[in-house]
Amino acid sequence: MQSGDHTAPQLGTANHHVVTYQDGAYCLYLNGVLLASAKSANVTIQPVLQIGSTGWTCGAFDGVIGEVALYDKALDADRVRVHHLVGLS
């Protein structure tokens, strides 16, 4: 995994998280900025979408999820940044 100069979010603060997957590459954005990326050919698609789960055996996310959006294609970096900025206004 490659990571930029950005760090993980601080506890107790609202943050905008985005994960994209396209052409074998995952990108993780935090507050509109690319945080990390990785390539993987081993992608497992599950028949159930779980939002707020930390895994099959780890339990639920301990926090608040304000909004969820799903798209039929991966957002590019500019679109992720714009989504974050719109959410701030």
C-alpha atoms as a PDB file:
ATOM      1  CA  MET A   1       0.000   0.000   0.000  1.00  0.00           C
ATOM      2  CA  GLN A   2       1.235   3.461  -0.821  1.00  0.00           C
ATOM      3  CA  SER A   3       0.389   6.296   1.514  1.00  0.00           C
ATOM      4  CA  GLY A   4       0.799  10.031   1.113  1.00  0.00           C
ATOM      5  CA  ASP A   5       1.731  12.595   3.749  1.00  0.00           C
ATOM      6  CA  HIS A   6      -1.757  12.520   5.237  1.00  0.00           C
ATOM      7  CA  THR A   7      -2.645  10.759   8.465  1.00  0.00           C
ATOM      8  CA  ALA A   8      -5.621   8.877   9.802  1.00  0.00           C
ATOM      9  CA  PRO A   9      -8.595  10.904  11.057  1.00  0.00           C
ATOM     10  CA  GLN A  10      -8.675  12.174  14.613  1.00  0.00           C
ATOM     11  CA  LEU A  11     -11.124  10.569  17.013  1.00  0.00           C
ATOM     12  CA  GLY A  12     -14.222  12.611  17.755  1.00  0.00           C
ATOM     13  CA  THR A  13     -14.149  14.616  14.517  1.00  0.00           C
ATOM     14  CA  ALA A  14     -16.348  14.383  11.437  1.00  0.00           C
ATOM     15  CA  ASN A  15     -14.549  13.104   8.352  1.00  0.00           C
ATOM     16  CA  HIS A  16     -15.342  12.318   4.721  1.00  0.00           C
ATOM     17  CA  HIS A  17     -14.148   8.839   3.689  1.00  0.00           C
ATOM     18  CA  VAL A  18     -14.200   7.512   0.124  1.00  0.00           C
ATOM     19  CA  VAL A  19     -12.995   4.190  -1.248  1.00  0.00           C
ATOM     20  CA  THR A  20     -12.850   3.584  -4.991  1.00  0.00           C
ATOM     21  CA  TYR A  21     -11.961   0.465  -6.952  1.00  0.00           C
ATOM     22  CA  GLN A  22     -11.149   0.455 -10.642  1.00  0.00           C
ATOM     23  CA  ASP A  23      -8.911  -1.671 -12.850  1.00  0.00           C
ATOM     24  CA  GLY A  24      -7.497  -3.613  -9.912  1.00  0.00           C
ATOM     25  CA  ALA A  25      -6.615  -0.529  -7.859  1.00  0.00           C
ATOM     26  CA  TYR A  26      -8.131   0.634  -4.577  1.00  0.00           C
ATOM     27  CA  CYS A  27      -7.894   4.294  -3.540  1.00  0.00           C
ATOM     28  CA  LEU A  28      -8.692   5.557  -0.054  1.00  0.00           C
ATOM     29  CA  TYR A  29      -9.500   9.254   0.298  1.00  0.00           C
ATOM     30  CA  LEU A  30      -9.807  11.195   3.541  1.00  0.00           C
ATOM     31  CA  ASN A  31     -11.452  14.620   3.453  1.00  0.00           C
ATOM     32  CA  GLY A  32     -11.013  14.900  -0.304  1.00  0.00           C
ATOM     33  CA  VAL A  33      -7.328  13.961  -0.389  1.00  0.00           C
ATOM     34  CA  LEU A  34      -5.816  10.644  -1.494  1.00  0.00           C
ATOM     35  CA  LEU A  35      -4.615   8.919   1.671  1.00  0.00           C
ATOM     36  CA  ALA A  36      -3.460   5.568   0.262  1.00  0.00           C
ATOM     37  CA  SER A  37      -3.685   3.339  -2.787  1.00  0.00           C
ATOM     38  CA  ALA A  38      -3.017  -0.311  -3.540  1.00  0.00           C
ATOM     39  CA  LYS A  39      -3.348  -2.737  -6.433  1.00  0.00           C
ATOM     40  CA  SER A  40      -4.929  -6.118  -5.912  1.00  0.00           C
ATOM     41  CA  ALA A  41      -6.015  -8.831  -8.295  1.00  0.00           C
ATOM     42  CA  ASN A  42      -7.631 -10.738  -5.415  1.00  0.00           C
ATOM     43  CA  VAL A  43     -11.014  -9.096  -5.000  1.00  0.00           C
ATOM     44  CA  THR A  44     -13.832 -11.009  -3.355  1.00  0.00           C
ATOM     45  CA  ILE A  45     -17.331  -9.786  -4.110  1.00  0.00           C
ATOM     46  CA  GLN A  46     -19.862 -10.562  -1.385  1.00  0.00           C
ATOM     47  CA  PRO A  47     -23.589 -10.835  -2.170  1.00  0.00           C
ATOM     48  CA  VAL A  48     -24.437  -8.636   0.838  1.00  0.00           C
ATOM     49  CA  LEU A  49     -23.504  -4.981   1.258  1.00  0.00           C
ATOM     50  CA  GLN A  50     -22.507  -4.189   4.841  1.00  0.00           C
ATOM     51  CA  ILE A  51     -22.214  -0.543   5.791  1.00  0.00           C
ATOM     52  CA  GLY A  52     -20.923   0.109   9.284  1.00  0.00           C
ATOM     53  CA  SER A  53     -19.471  -3.353   9.758  1.00  0.00           C
ATOM     54  CA  THR A  54     -15.821  -3.832  10.615  1.00  0.00           C
ATOM     55  CA  GLY A  55     -15.838  -7.389   9.326  1.00  0.00           C
ATOM     56  CA  TRP A  56     -17.687 -10.652   9.574  1.00  0.00           C
ATOM     57  CA  THR A  57     -16.510 -11.338  13.125  1.00  0.00           C
ATOM     58  CA  CYS A  58     -15.460  -7.926  14.466  1.00  0.00           C
ATOM     59  CA  GLY A  59     -18.849  -6.368  15.178  1.00  0.00           C
ATOM     60  CA  ALA A  60     -20.352  -3.039  14.263  1.00  0.00           C
ATOM     61  CA  PHE A  61     -18.723   0.332  13.646  1.00  0.00           C
ATOM     62  CA  ASP A  62     -18.744   2.391  16.858  1.00  0.00           C
ATOM     63  CA  GLY A  63     -19.632   5.812  15.487  1.00  0.00           C
ATOM     64  CA  VAL A  64     -22.089   7.736  13.340  1.00  0.00           C
ATOM     65  CA  ILE A  65     -22.479   7.371   9.587  1.00  0.00           C
ATOM     66  CA  GLY A  66     -24.110  10.507   8.204  1.00  0.00           C
ATOM     67  CA  GLU A  67     -24.513   9.748   4.491  1.00  0.00           C
ATOM     68  CA  VAL A  68     -23.751   6.889   2.141  1.00  0.00           C
ATOM     69  CA  ALA A  69     -23.484   7.078  -1.645  1.00  0.00           C
ATOM     70  CA  LEU A  70     -22.886   4.272  -4.141  1.00  0.00           C
ATOM     71  CA  TYR A  71     -21.973   4.838  -7.784  1.00  0.00           C
ATOM     72  CA  ASP A  72     -21.851   2.606 -10.841  1.00  0.00           C
ATOM     73  CA  LYS A  73     -18.270   3.724 -11.595  1.00  0.00           C
ATOM     74  CA  ALA A  74     -15.235   4.856  -9.625  1.00  0.00           C
ATOM     75  CA  LEU A  75     -15.039   8.573  -8.869  1.00  0.00           C
ATOM     76  CA  ASP A  76     -11.828  10.294  -9.921  1.00  0.00           C
ATOM     77  CA  ALA A  77      -9.758  12.365  -7.479  1.00  0.00           C
ATOM     78  CA  ASP A  78     -11.268  15.686  -8.601  1.00  0.00           C
ATOM     79  CA  ARG A  79     -14.818  14.426  -8.099  1.00  0.00           C
ATOM     80  CA  VAL A  80     -13.960  13.095  -4.619  1.00  0.00           C
ATOM     81  CA  ARG A  81     -12.478  16.492  -3.691  1.00  0.00           C
ATOM     82  CA  VAL A  82     -15.572  18.330  -4.954  1.00  0.00           C
ATOM     83  CA  HIS A  83     -17.889  16.024  -2.985  1.00  0.00           C
ATOM     84  CA  HIS A  84     -15.905  16.806   0.165  1.00  0.00           C
ATOM     85  CA  LEU A  85     -15.970  20.561  -0.454  1.00  0.00           C
ATOM     86  CA  VAL A  86     -19.732  20.555  -1.145  1.00  0.00           C
ATOM     87  CA  GLY A  87     -20.271  18.717   2.132  1.00  0.00           C
ATOM     88  CA  LEU A  88     -18.432  21.481   3.996  1.00  0.00           C
ATOM     89  CA  SER A  89     -20.705  24.220   2.648  1.00  0.00           C
END
